[in-house]
Protein backbone atom coordinates (compact mmCIF):
# COMPACT_ATOMS: atom_id res chain seq x y z
CA MET A 1 -99.50 64.02 17.14
CA LEU A 2 -97.20 66.91 18.04
CA ASP A 3 -96.02 65.04 21.13
CA LYS A 4 -95.07 62.08 18.92
CA ILE A 5 -93.16 64.38 16.55
CA ILE A 6 -91.27 65.99 19.43
CA LYS A 7 -90.33 62.61 20.93
CA THR A 8 -89.16 61.28 17.56
CA SER A 9 -87.18 64.45 16.91
CA GLU A 10 -85.37 64.40 20.24
CA LYS A 11 -84.50 60.71 19.94
CA SER A 12 -82.95 61.16 16.50
CA GLU A 13 -79.20 61.46 16.11
CA ARG A 14 -79.68 64.21 13.54
CA ASP A 15 -82.10 67.06 12.91
CA LEU A 16 -85.28 65.87 11.22
CA THR A 17 -87.74 68.01 9.26
CA PHE A 18 -91.41 67.09 9.72
CA GLU A 19 -94.02 67.91 7.07
CA ILE A 20 -97.17 68.96 8.95
CA GLY A 21 -99.22 70.46 6.10
CA SER A 22 -100.11 67.48 3.94
CA ASN A 23 -103.82 67.37 4.76
CA SER A 24 -104.80 71.04 4.93
CA ASP A 25 -103.50 74.56 4.42
CA LEU A 26 -102.39 75.54 7.91
CA ILE A 27 -102.35 79.30 7.26
CA LEU A 28 -105.99 79.19 6.14
CA GLU A 29 -106.92 76.85 8.98
CA ASN A 30 -105.16 79.10 11.50
CA SER A 31 -107.37 82.03 10.53
CA ILE A 32 -110.22 80.09 12.16
CA THR A 33 -108.71 77.74 14.75
CA LYS A 34 -105.38 79.39 15.76
CA ASN A 35 -103.96 75.84 15.78
CA LEU A 36 -100.79 76.90 13.98
CA ILE A 37 -99.97 79.42 16.70
CA TRP A 38 -100.34 76.66 19.31
CA THR A 39 -98.19 74.28 17.26
CA ILE A 40 -95.34 76.76 16.81
CA GLU A 41 -95.37 77.80 20.46
CA ASN A 42 -95.29 74.17 21.61
CA PHE A 43 -92.54 73.07 19.23
CA LYS A 44 -90.11 75.96 19.62
CA ASN A 45 -88.34 74.60 22.70
CA THR A 46 -87.46 71.20 21.26
CA LYS A 47 -83.76 70.48 21.21
CA LYS A 48 -83.73 69.27 17.61
CA GLY A 49 -85.85 69.24 14.48
CA LEU A 50 -87.86 71.51 12.22
CA LEU A 51 -91.49 71.76 11.15
CA THR A 52 -92.45 72.64 7.58
CA PHE A 53 -95.65 73.24 5.66
CA PRO A 54 -96.81 74.74 2.33
CA THR A 55 -99.49 77.39 1.87
CA LYS A 56 -101.31 79.33 -0.82
CA PHE A 57 -102.56 82.01 1.57
CA ASP A 58 -101.24 85.37 2.76
CA MET A 59 -102.94 85.68 6.18
CA VAL A 60 -99.67 85.39 8.10
CA ASP A 61 -99.90 88.34 10.50
CA ASP A 62 -100.96 86.14 13.45
CA ILE A 63 -97.65 84.27 13.43
CA LEU A 64 -95.23 87.11 12.71
CA SER A 65 -94.63 88.03 16.34
CA LEU A 66 -94.16 84.45 17.58
CA ASP A 67 -90.83 83.37 19.05
CA HIS A 68 -90.42 80.39 16.73
CA LYS A 69 -86.65 80.14 17.32
CA GLY A 70 -85.96 79.39 13.65
CA LYS A 71 -87.61 75.98 13.83
CA ILE A 72 -90.32 76.58 11.22
CA VAL A 73 -89.87 76.38 7.44
CA ILE A 74 -92.76 77.95 5.52
CA ARG A 75 -93.05 77.14 1.81
CA MET A 76 -95.22 79.52 -0.16
CA SER A 77 -96.82 78.03 -3.26
CA VAL A 78 -96.95 80.40 -6.24
CA ASN A 79 -98.27 80.36 -9.78
CA PRO A 80 -98.74 82.94 -12.53
CA GLU A 81 -101.65 85.28 -11.85
CA GLU A 82 -103.57 83.86 -14.82
CA ILE A 83 -103.31 80.33 -13.40
CA ILE A 84 -104.35 81.49 -9.93
CA ASN A 85 -107.39 83.25 -11.38
CA LYS A 86 -108.50 80.27 -13.51
CA VAL A 87 -107.51 77.31 -11.34
CA GLU A 88 -106.67 78.20 -7.73
CA PHE A 89 -110.07 79.57 -6.77
CA GLY A 90 -110.46 81.09 -3.32
CA THR A 91 -106.72 81.38 -2.66
CA SER A 92 -104.64 84.52 -2.14
CA ARG A 93 -103.51 86.64 -5.07
CA LEU A 94 -99.89 86.45 -6.17
CA LYS A 95 -99.17 89.96 -4.88
CA GLY A 96 -100.38 88.99 -1.41
CA ARG A 97 -98.35 85.77 -1.40
CA ILE A 98 -95.15 87.63 -2.30
CA GLU A 99 -95.81 90.24 0.39
CA ALA A 100 -96.41 87.43 2.90
CA ILE A 101 -93.06 85.83 1.99
CA ASN A 102 -91.26 89.11 2.69
CA LYS A 103 -93.09 89.54 6.02
CA LEU A 104 -92.30 85.99 7.12
CA LYS A 105 -88.62 86.36 6.28
CA GLU A 106 -88.47 89.64 8.17
CA ALA A 107 -89.93 87.75 11.15
CA GLY A 108 -87.08 85.24 10.95
CA TYR A 109 -88.83 82.27 9.38
CA LYS A 110 -86.97 79.98 6.99
CA ILE A 111 -88.58 80.34 3.56
CA GLY A 112 -89.06 78.08 0.56
CA ILE A 113 -91.02 78.75 -2.62
CA LEU A 114 -93.05 76.10 -4.40
CA ILE A 115 -93.71 76.78 -8.06
CA ALA A 116 -96.62 74.38 -8.15
CA PRO A 117 -98.52 72.94 -9.71
CA VAL A 118 -96.90 73.83 -13.02
CA ILE A 119 -99.75 73.73 -15.55
CA MET A 120 -98.81 73.66 -19.20
CA VAL A 121 -101.44 75.87 -20.75
CA GLU A 122 -100.85 77.14 -24.28
CA ASN A 123 -98.59 80.05 -23.25
CA TRP A 124 -97.04 78.40 -20.20
CA LYS A 125 -93.46 79.38 -20.93
CA GLU A 126 -94.35 83.05 -21.16
CA LEU A 127 -96.44 82.91 -17.98
CA TYR A 128 -93.83 81.14 -15.87
CA SER A 129 -90.99 83.28 -17.19
CA GLU A 130 -92.95 86.36 -16.13
CA LEU A 131 -93.63 84.77 -12.73
CA ILE A 132 -89.95 84.07 -12.05
CA GLN A 133 -88.98 87.59 -13.11
CA ARG A 134 -91.67 89.05 -10.86
CA LEU A 135 -90.36 87.03 -7.92
CA ASN A 136 -86.89 88.40 -8.61
CA GLN A 137 -88.23 91.95 -8.66
CA GLU A 138 -90.59 91.84 -5.67
CA LEU A 139 -88.93 89.51 -3.16
CA SER A 140 -86.80 91.28 -0.58
CA ASN A 141 -83.03 90.95 -0.62
CA LYS A 142 -83.29 89.01 2.66
CA VAL A 143 -85.50 86.42 0.99
CA LYS A 144 -83.40 86.18 -2.16
CA LYS A 145 -80.27 85.59 -0.10
CA ASP A 146 -81.19 82.03 0.89
CA VAL A 147 -84.69 81.06 -0.31
CA PHE A 148 -84.90 77.60 -1.86
CA PHE A 149 -87.25 76.40 -4.59
CA GLU A 150 -89.32 73.30 -5.32
CA ILE A 151 -90.90 72.90 -8.76
CA ILE A 152 -93.73 70.41 -9.24
CA PHE A 153 -95.57 69.62 -12.47
CA MET A 154 -99.31 69.06 -12.25
CA THR A 155 -100.75 65.57 -11.89
CA TYR A 156 -104.28 65.52 -13.28
CA SER A 157 -107.01 63.62 -11.45
CA TYR A 158 -110.24 62.89 -13.32
CA VAL A 159 -112.24 62.64 -10.06
CA HIS A 160 -110.98 65.93 -8.60
CA THR A 161 -111.56 67.74 -11.86
CA LYS A 162 -115.18 66.54 -12.04
CA ILE A 163 -115.74 67.83 -8.51
CA ASN A 164 -114.15 71.17 -9.41
CA GLU A 165 -116.27 71.47 -12.57
CA GLU A 166 -119.44 71.20 -10.48
CA ALA A 167 -118.23 73.67 -7.88
CA PHE A 168 -116.54 76.03 -10.36
CA PRO A 169 -118.26 75.78 -13.77
CA ASN A 170 -115.98 78.45 -15.28
CA ALA A 171 -112.79 76.50 -14.49
CA ILE A 172 -110.50 75.64 -17.39
CA ASN A 173 -110.07 72.04 -18.53
CA LEU A 174 -106.69 70.85 -17.28
CA TYR A 175 -106.58 67.62 -19.27
CA ASN A 176 -104.73 67.66 -22.57
CA LYS A 177 -104.46 64.25 -24.22
CA GLU A 178 -101.78 65.52 -26.63
CA ILE A 179 -99.21 66.08 -23.90
CA MET A 180 -100.43 63.83 -21.05
CA THR A 181 -100.19 60.12 -20.33
CA GLY A 182 -101.75 57.74 -17.83
CA ARG A 183 -100.42 57.43 -14.29
CA GLY A 184 -102.70 54.91 -12.68
CA ARG A 185 -106.48 54.76 -12.59
CA GLY A 186 -108.05 58.12 -13.38
CA LYS A 187 -104.75 60.00 -13.10
CA TYR A 188 -102.58 61.56 -15.75
CA MET A 189 -99.21 63.28 -15.92
CA TYR A 190 -97.26 65.13 -18.59
CA LYS A 191 -95.38 62.86 -21.00
CA ASN A 192 -91.70 62.33 -20.28
CA ASP A 193 -90.47 64.41 -23.20
CA ILE A 194 -92.79 67.27 -22.22
CA ARG A 195 -91.64 67.13 -18.61
CA LYS A 196 -88.01 67.10 -19.75
CA GLU A 197 -88.63 70.19 -21.87
CA GLY A 198 -90.23 71.79 -18.83
CA GLU A 199 -87.31 70.93 -16.57
CA ILE A 200 -84.81 72.39 -19.02
CA PHE A 201 -86.90 75.56 -19.27
CA PHE A 202 -87.14 76.03 -15.51
CA ARG A 203 -83.47 75.36 -14.88
CA GLU A 204 -82.53 77.94 -17.51
CA GLU A 205 -84.94 80.56 -16.12
CA MET A 206 -83.91 79.92 -12.52
CA ASN A 207 -80.23 80.12 -13.44
CA LYS A 208 -80.93 83.46 -15.09
CA TRP A 209 -82.91 85.06 -12.25
CA PHE A 210 -81.92 83.07 -9.12
CA PRO A 211 -78.45 81.70 -9.94
CA TYR A 212 -77.36 81.34 -6.32
CA ASN A 213 -80.51 79.71 -4.92
CA LYS A 214 -80.98 75.98 -4.51
CA ILE A 215 -83.60 74.05 -6.45
CA GLU A 216 -84.48 71.16 -4.15
CA TYR A 217 -86.12 69.21 -6.97
CA ILE A 218 -88.12 69.42 -10.20
CA VAL A 219 -90.70 66.64 -10.42
């Protein structure tokens, strides 16, 4: 697969960015397989193109010393600590994720931050406001200089939630019929007016705490 990516990249008239983390968390996987190290080392000498992937894990030390030549964009997914504790079981704590972002930037990686999935619990505005302020306080100046953001509202899946309820009986119920609407069989999303309220909130908070950083999208 990497050979195909490299060939496509070098044939293109412009730099392409390839998403390589859609099916698994590569930082977690790398802690067992070391596949990410191999991938970075074999992509770094391409003439054009970038690789990107998201993660919820802070075990980044294995890739800090790699000569990646600026060709890797790592997007750390963050959420308020309360959401991580109640929903994102088995993932790294927020403190560790922020520390990992700073380490990765110091090692020369391009950095993005995913605020995702945004989950509208009862006190969601307070939680996400505190999250954005904490990012402003704890991210290094190097990160804050050019980090970009992606903000993604949760899409609820009935099937996935049933699986999670069996595996994690203490998990909170993510479905709220008052603010959600159907999005295909067994899937739900926040209603348009709720999402619009959320977008306005995030743009205002980001403009307050990260006025010079790009928001790639809010979806």
